[in-house]
């Protein structure tokens, strides 16, 4: 590979376009260890449990451009 003193935007964009549609495996090709499986299950549980909290926070947050003065 040739040394390039400065990065080229066009070269970088072509490289991204070449690899943009590559799809890897959804799951690893090997069996998960019990620890890895528990970690994966725990992560899925956290994601599903946090959804109602995120929705509540989103509703309580001011809209973009709105300023709320603290009443403390």
C-alpha atoms as a PDB file:
ATOM      1  CA  UNK A   1       0.000   0.000   0.000  1.00  0.00           C
ATOM      2  CA  UNK A   2       1.399   3.368  -0.956  1.00  0.00           C
ATOM      3  CA  UNK A   3       2.026   6.023   1.637  1.00  0.00           C
ATOM      4  CA  UNK A   4      -0.365   8.948   1.391  1.00  0.00           C
ATOM      5  CA  UNK A   5       0.688  12.084   3.202  1.00  0.00           C
ATOM      6  CA  UNK A   6      -2.827  13.515   3.217  1.00  0.00           C
ATOM      7  CA  UNK A   7      -6.153  11.672   3.288  1.00  0.00           C
ATOM      8  CA  UNK A   8      -8.328  11.936   0.211  1.00  0.00           C
ATOM      9  CA  UNK A   9     -12.040  12.501   0.712  1.00  0.00           C
ATOM     10  CA  UNK A  10     -12.913  10.888  -2.610  1.00  0.00           C
ATOM     11  CA  UNK A  11     -10.840   7.811  -1.813  1.00  0.00           C
ATOM     12  CA  UNK A  12     -12.508   7.480   1.596  1.00  0.00           C
ATOM     13  CA  UNK A  13     -15.999   7.812   0.105  1.00  0.00           C
ATOM     14  CA  UNK A  14     -15.256   5.157  -2.528  1.00  0.00           C
ATOM     15  CA  UNK A  15     -14.015   2.820   0.213  1.00  0.00           C
ATOM     16  CA  UNK A  16     -17.179   3.365   2.249  1.00  0.00           C
ATOM     17  CA  UNK A  17     -19.332   2.713  -0.830  1.00  0.00           C
ATOM     18  CA  UNK A  18     -17.456  -0.529  -1.523  1.00  0.00           C
ATOM     19  CA  UNK A  19     -18.115  -1.861   1.972  1.00  0.00           C
ATOM     20  CA  UNK A  20     -21.496  -0.255   2.702  1.00  0.00           C
ATOM     21  CA  UNK A  21     -23.587  -3.272   1.731  1.00  0.00           C
ATOM     22  CA  UNK A  22     -21.521  -6.010   3.365  1.00  0.00           C
ATOM     23  CA  UNK A  23     -23.601  -7.999   5.778  1.00  0.00           C
ATOM     24  CA  UNK A  24     -21.928 -10.083   8.429  1.00  0.00           C
ATOM     25  CA  UNK A  25     -23.332 -13.034  10.336  1.00  0.00           C
ATOM     26  CA  UNK A  26     -26.226 -12.231  12.658  1.00  0.00           C
ATOM     27  CA  UNK A  27     -24.987 -14.627  15.316  1.00  0.00           C
ATOM     28  CA  UNK A  28     -21.521 -16.021  15.891  1.00  0.00           C
ATOM     29  CA  UNK A  29     -20.804 -19.313  14.183  1.00  0.00           C
ATOM     30  CA  UNK A  30     -19.752 -20.906  17.500  1.00  0.00           C
ATOM     31  CA  UNK A  31     -21.902 -21.842  20.468  1.00  0.00           C
ATOM     32  CA  UNK A  32     -22.087 -19.252  23.200  1.00  0.00           C
ATOM     33  CA  UNK A  33     -20.748 -20.152  26.618  1.00  0.00           C
ATOM     34  CA  UNK A  34     -23.239 -19.966  29.499  1.00  0.00           C
ATOM     35  CA  UNK A  35     -21.693 -16.689  30.648  1.00  0.00           C
ATOM     36  CA  UNK A  36     -21.970 -15.176  27.166  1.00  0.00           C
ATOM     37  CA  UNK A  37     -25.583 -16.373  26.867  1.00  0.00           C
ATOM     38  CA  UNK A  38     -26.515 -14.827  30.239  1.00  0.00           C
ATOM     39  CA  UNK A  39     -24.833 -11.581  29.199  1.00  0.00           C
ATOM     40  CA  UNK A  40     -26.756 -11.551  25.917  1.00  0.00           C
ATOM     41  CA  UNK A  41     -30.048 -12.312  27.680  1.00  0.00           C
ATOM     42  CA  UNK A  42     -29.356  -9.667  30.326  1.00  0.00           C
ATOM     43  CA  UNK A  43     -28.641  -7.059  27.679  1.00  0.00           C
ATOM     44  CA  UNK A  44     -31.913  -7.870  25.921  1.00  0.00           C
ATOM     45  CA  UNK A  45     -33.763  -7.593  29.245  1.00  0.00           C
ATOM     46  CA  UNK A  46     -32.233  -4.206  29.987  1.00  0.00           C
ATOM     47  CA  UNK A  47     -33.211  -2.919  26.567  1.00  0.00           C
ATOM     48  CA  UNK A  48     -36.825  -4.020  26.966  1.00  0.00           C
ATOM     49  CA  UNK A  49     -37.036  -2.764  30.566  1.00  0.00           C
ATOM     50  CA  UNK A  50     -35.623   0.674  29.793  1.00  0.00           C
ATOM     51  CA  UNK A  51     -38.120   1.426  27.011  1.00  0.00           C
ATOM     52  CA  UNK A  52     -40.967   2.673  29.301  1.00  0.00           C
ATOM     53  CA  UNK A  53     -38.497   4.829  31.241  1.00  0.00           C
ATOM     54  CA  UNK A  54     -37.119   6.330  28.039  1.00  0.00           C
ATOM     55  CA  UNK A  55     -40.642   7.082  26.822  1.00  0.00           C
ATOM     56  CA  UNK A  56     -41.492   8.829  30.103  1.00  0.00           C
ATOM     57  CA  UNK A  57     -38.301  10.880  30.000  1.00  0.00           C
ATOM     58  CA  UNK A  58     -38.959  11.815  26.391  1.00  0.00           C
ATOM     59  CA  UNK A  59     -42.443  13.085  27.310  1.00  0.00           C
ATOM     60  CA  UNK A  60     -41.105  15.078  30.281  1.00  0.00           C
ATOM     61  CA  UNK A  61     -38.278  16.683  28.321  1.00  0.00           C
ATOM     62  CA  UNK A  62     -38.906  20.115  26.826  1.00  0.00           C
ATOM     63  CA  UNK A  63     -39.370  20.289  23.097  1.00  0.00           C
ATOM     64  CA  UNK A  64     -36.508  21.513  20.958  1.00  0.00           C
ATOM     65  CA  UNK A  65     -36.145  25.267  21.279  1.00  0.00           C
ATOM     66  CA  UNK A  66     -38.243  25.462  24.454  1.00  0.00           C
ATOM     67  CA  UNK A  67     -36.635  26.858  27.607  1.00  0.00           C
ATOM     68  CA  UNK A  68     -37.982  26.030  31.050  1.00  0.00           C
ATOM     69  CA  UNK A  69     -37.001  28.206  33.965  1.00  0.00           C
ATOM     70  CA  UNK A  70     -36.297  26.363  37.186  1.00  0.00           C
ATOM     71  CA  UNK A  71     -38.724  27.269  39.992  1.00  0.00           C
ATOM     72  CA  UNK A  72     -36.409  26.243  42.783  1.00  0.00           C
END
